[in-house]
Amino acid sequence: MLPGAGMNPKQLKQMQRAMKQMGMDNKDVKGVTEVVLKFKNKEVLIKSPKVSLMDFMGQQTYQITGKVVEQKIETELEVPEDDVELVSNQTGVTKEKALETLKETEGDLAEAILRLS
């Protein structure tokens, strides 16, 4: 809900009074330059955001609008040396090949052994 969006001043004032009667408080948050939402494999950046804080019955809700930019997060899988050695010994391949296969299988030992056998 965007308070004031497309309303004349009288309607806006009525809406603000109704929100106040229901115990809702809406304030603009000043000074925010960027908002970052972090996910497992990406980040969503909101540049030059307009942020509003709505408080309703003790529950705070942030409303954010702005220019959205998504970025993928590259993560390097760290494979324990014990896992590399186990796959190498079980399949008879070099440690380098075992490590490569473990990375392809995202560290899944059983899948790596099956692929190399």
C-alpha atoms as a PDB file:
ATOM      1  CA  MET A   1       0.000   0.000   0.000  1.00  0.00           C
ATOM      2  CA  LEU A   2       1.459   3.334  -1.034  1.00  0.00           C
ATOM      3  CA  PRO A   3      -0.086   6.029   1.120  1.00  0.00           C
ATOM      4  CA  GLY A   4      -0.939   8.980  -1.076  1.00  0.00           C
ATOM      5  CA  ALA A   5      -0.474   7.209  -4.403  1.00  0.00           C
ATOM      6  CA  GLY A   6      -3.003   8.696  -6.820  1.00  0.00           C
ATOM      7  CA  MET A   7      -5.081  10.402  -4.117  1.00  0.00           C
ATOM      8  CA  ASN A   8      -6.159  13.970  -3.764  1.00  0.00           C
ATOM      9  CA  PRO A   9      -5.124  15.710  -0.511  1.00  0.00           C
ATOM     10  CA  LYS A  10      -8.572  15.240   1.089  1.00  0.00           C
ATOM     11  CA  GLN A  11      -8.573  11.481   0.410  1.00  0.00           C
ATOM     12  CA  LEU A  12      -4.995  11.234   1.698  1.00  0.00           C
ATOM     13  CA  LYS A  13      -5.913  12.991   4.951  1.00  0.00           C
ATOM     14  CA  GLN A  14      -8.948  10.689   5.411  1.00  0.00           C
ATOM     15  CA  MET A  15      -6.808   7.629   4.825  1.00  0.00           C
ATOM     16  CA  GLN A  16      -4.190   8.833   7.321  1.00  0.00           C
ATOM     17  CA  ARG A  17      -6.911   9.399   9.955  1.00  0.00           C
ATOM     18  CA  ALA A  18      -8.370   5.924   9.325  1.00  0.00           C
ATOM     19  CA  MET A  19      -4.921   4.337   9.618  1.00  0.00           C
ATOM     20  CA  LYS A  20      -4.285   6.188  12.882  1.00  0.00           C
ATOM     21  CA  GLN A  21      -7.662   5.011  14.286  1.00  0.00           C
ATOM     22  CA  MET A  22      -6.730   1.410  13.446  1.00  0.00           C
ATOM     23  CA  GLY A  23      -3.414   1.816  15.251  1.00  0.00           C
ATOM     24  CA  MET A  24      -1.345   1.969  12.071  1.00  0.00           C
ATOM     25  CA  ASP A  25       1.615   4.298  11.879  1.00  0.00           C
ATOM     26  CA  ASN A  26       3.472   4.922   8.608  1.00  0.00           C
ATOM     27  CA  LYS A  27       6.782   6.819   8.466  1.00  0.00           C
ATOM     28  CA  ASP A  28       9.356   7.448   5.759  1.00  0.00           C
ATOM     29  CA  VAL A  29      12.820   6.145   6.663  1.00  0.00           C
ATOM     30  CA  LYS A  30      15.403   8.774   5.729  1.00  0.00           C
ATOM     31  CA  GLY A  31      19.056   8.298   4.788  1.00  0.00           C
ATOM     32  CA  VAL A  32      18.835   4.805   3.233  1.00  0.00           C
ATOM     33  CA  THR A  33      21.206   4.593   0.256  1.00  0.00           C
ATOM     34  CA  GLU A  34      20.945   0.895  -0.628  1.00  0.00           C
ATOM     35  CA  VAL A  35      18.986  -2.203   0.454  1.00  0.00           C
ATOM     36  CA  VAL A  36      20.477  -5.693   0.032  1.00  0.00           C
ATOM     37  CA  LEU A  37      18.461  -8.935   0.090  1.00  0.00           C
ATOM     38  CA  LYS A  38      20.756 -11.960   0.400  1.00  0.00           C
ATOM     39  CA  PHE A  39      19.756 -15.357  -0.944  1.00  0.00           C
ATOM     40  CA  LYS A  40      21.711 -18.606  -1.109  1.00  0.00           C
ATOM     41  CA  ASN A  41      22.896 -18.057  -4.677  1.00  0.00           C
ATOM     42  CA  LYS A  42      22.206 -14.363  -5.393  1.00  0.00           C
ATOM     43  CA  GLU A  43      21.873 -10.889  -3.953  1.00  0.00           C
ATOM     44  CA  VAL A  44      19.187  -8.383  -4.844  1.00  0.00           C
ATOM     45  CA  LEU A  45      20.352  -4.778  -4.537  1.00  0.00           C
ATOM     46  CA  ILE A  46      17.835  -1.948  -4.418  1.00  0.00           C
ATOM     47  CA  LYS A  47      19.580   1.275  -5.344  1.00  0.00           C
ATOM     48  CA  SER A  48      18.284   4.736  -4.349  1.00  0.00           C
ATOM     49  CA  PRO A  49      15.423   3.197  -2.345  1.00  0.00           C
ATOM     50  CA  LYS A  50      12.397   4.947  -0.931  1.00  0.00           C
ATOM     51  CA  VAL A  51      11.721   3.144   2.347  1.00  0.00           C
ATOM     52  CA  SER A  52       8.570   3.352   4.467  1.00  0.00           C
ATOM     53  CA  LEU A  53       8.102   1.764   7.882  1.00  0.00           C
ATOM     54  CA  MET A  54       4.588   0.731   8.815  1.00  0.00           C
ATOM     55  CA  ASP A  55       3.844  -0.211  12.410  1.00  0.00           C
ATOM     56  CA  PHE A  56       0.563  -2.060  12.951  1.00  0.00           C
ATOM     57  CA  MET A  57      -0.221  -3.552  16.358  1.00  0.00           C
ATOM     58  CA  GLY A  58       3.480  -3.930  17.179  1.00  0.00           C
ATOM     59  CA  GLN A  59       4.298  -5.597  13.856  1.00  0.00           C
ATOM     60  CA  GLN A  60       6.774  -3.602  11.780  1.00  0.00           C
ATOM     61  CA  THR A  61       6.717  -3.866   7.992  1.00  0.00           C
ATOM     62  CA  TYR A  62       9.151  -2.195   5.615  1.00  0.00           C
ATOM     63  CA  GLN A  63       8.053  -1.177   2.145  1.00  0.00           C
ATOM     64  CA  ILE A  64      10.876  -0.576  -0.317  1.00  0.00           C
ATOM     65  CA  THR A  65      10.766   0.819  -3.834  1.00  0.00           C
ATOM     66  CA  GLY A  66      13.710   1.606  -6.074  1.00  0.00           C
ATOM     67  CA  LYS A  67      15.931   0.365  -8.892  1.00  0.00           C
ATOM     68  CA  VAL A  68      16.496  -3.396  -8.555  1.00  0.00           C
ATOM     69  CA  VAL A  69      19.789  -5.052  -9.557  1.00  0.00           C
ATOM     70  CA  GLU A  70      20.394  -8.806  -9.185  1.00  0.00           C
ATOM     71  CA  GLN A  71      23.857 -10.329  -8.742  1.00  0.00           C
ATOM     72  CA  LYS A  72      24.766 -14.011  -8.732  1.00  0.00           C
ATOM     73  CA  ILE A  73      27.009 -15.161  -5.913  1.00  0.00           C
ATOM     74  CA  GLU A  74      29.836 -17.426  -6.996  1.00  0.00           C
ATOM     75  CA  THR A  75      30.749 -19.851  -4.259  1.00  0.00           C
ATOM     76  CA  GLU A  76      33.706 -22.198  -4.395  1.00  0.00           C
ATOM     77  CA  LEU A  77      32.937 -25.618  -2.943  1.00  0.00           C
ATOM     78  CA  GLU A  78      35.549 -26.661  -0.420  1.00  0.00           C
ATOM     79  CA  VAL A  79      36.043 -30.420  -0.540  1.00  0.00           C
ATOM     80  CA  PRO A  80      37.782 -32.015   2.459  1.00  0.00           C
ATOM     81  CA  GLU A  81      41.049 -33.783   1.651  1.00  0.00           C
ATOM     82  CA  ASP A  82      39.706 -36.952   3.330  1.00  0.00           C
ATOM     83  CA  ASP A  83      36.839 -37.060   0.809  1.00  0.00           C
ATOM     84  CA  VAL A  84      39.239 -36.637  -2.124  1.00  0.00           C
ATOM     85  CA  GLU A  85      41.428 -39.432  -0.783  1.00  0.00           C
ATOM     86  CA  LEU A  86      38.454 -41.752  -0.214  1.00  0.00           C
ATOM     87  CA  VAL A  87      37.118 -41.262  -3.763  1.00  0.00           C
ATOM     88  CA  SER A  88      40.611 -41.644  -5.221  1.00  0.00           C
ATOM     89  CA  ASN A  89      41.242 -44.893  -3.305  1.00  0.00           C
ATOM     90  CA  GLN A  90      37.806 -46.349  -4.085  1.00  0.00           C
ATOM     91  CA  THR A  91      37.987 -45.655  -7.821  1.00  0.00           C
ATOM     92  CA  GLY A  92      41.724 -45.805  -8.560  1.00  0.00           C
ATOM     93  CA  VAL A  93      41.824 -42.346 -10.175  1.00  0.00           C
ATOM     94  CA  THR A  94      44.201 -39.494  -9.405  1.00  0.00           C
ATOM     95  CA  LYS A  95      43.419 -37.110  -6.573  1.00  0.00           C
ATOM     96  CA  GLU A  96      43.008 -34.315  -9.119  1.00  0.00           C
ATOM     97  CA  LYS A  97      40.335 -36.279 -11.023  1.00  0.00           C
ATOM     98  CA  ALA A  98      38.639 -37.222  -7.734  1.00  0.00           C
ATOM     99  CA  LEU A  99      38.580 -33.551  -6.667  1.00  0.00           C
ATOM    100  CA  GLU A 100      37.188 -32.454 -10.034  1.00  0.00           C
ATOM    101  CA  THR A 101      34.401 -35.045  -9.862  1.00  0.00           C
ATOM    102  CA  LEU A 102      33.562 -34.148  -6.253  1.00  0.00           C
ATOM    103  CA  LYS A 103      33.170 -30.511  -7.300  1.00  0.00           C
ATOM    104  CA  GLU A 104      30.915 -31.553 -10.198  1.00  0.00           C
ATOM    105  CA  THR A 105      28.746 -33.564  -7.803  1.00  0.00           C
ATOM    106  CA  GLU A 106      28.771 -30.765  -5.195  1.00  0.00           C
ATOM    107  CA  GLY A 107      30.609 -32.937  -2.691  1.00  0.00           C
ATOM    108  CA  ASP A 108      28.366 -36.009  -3.013  1.00  0.00           C
ATOM    109  CA  LEU A 109      30.760 -38.919  -2.287  1.00  0.00           C
ATOM    110  CA  ALA A 110      28.477 -41.704  -3.540  1.00  0.00           C
ATOM    111  CA  GLU A 111      27.688 -39.886  -6.793  1.00  0.00           C
ATOM    112  CA  ALA A 112      31.376 -39.134  -7.398  1.00  0.00           C
ATOM    113  CA  ILE A 113      32.358 -42.795  -6.847  1.00  0.00           C
ATOM    114  CA  LEU A 114      29.559 -43.986  -9.149  1.00  0.00           C
ATOM    115  CA  ARG A 115      30.623 -41.610 -11.925  1.00  0.00           C
ATOM    116  CA  LEU A 116      34.248 -42.694 -11.712  1.00  0.00           C
ATOM    117  CA  SER A 117      33.603 -46.441 -11.452  1.00  0.00           C
END
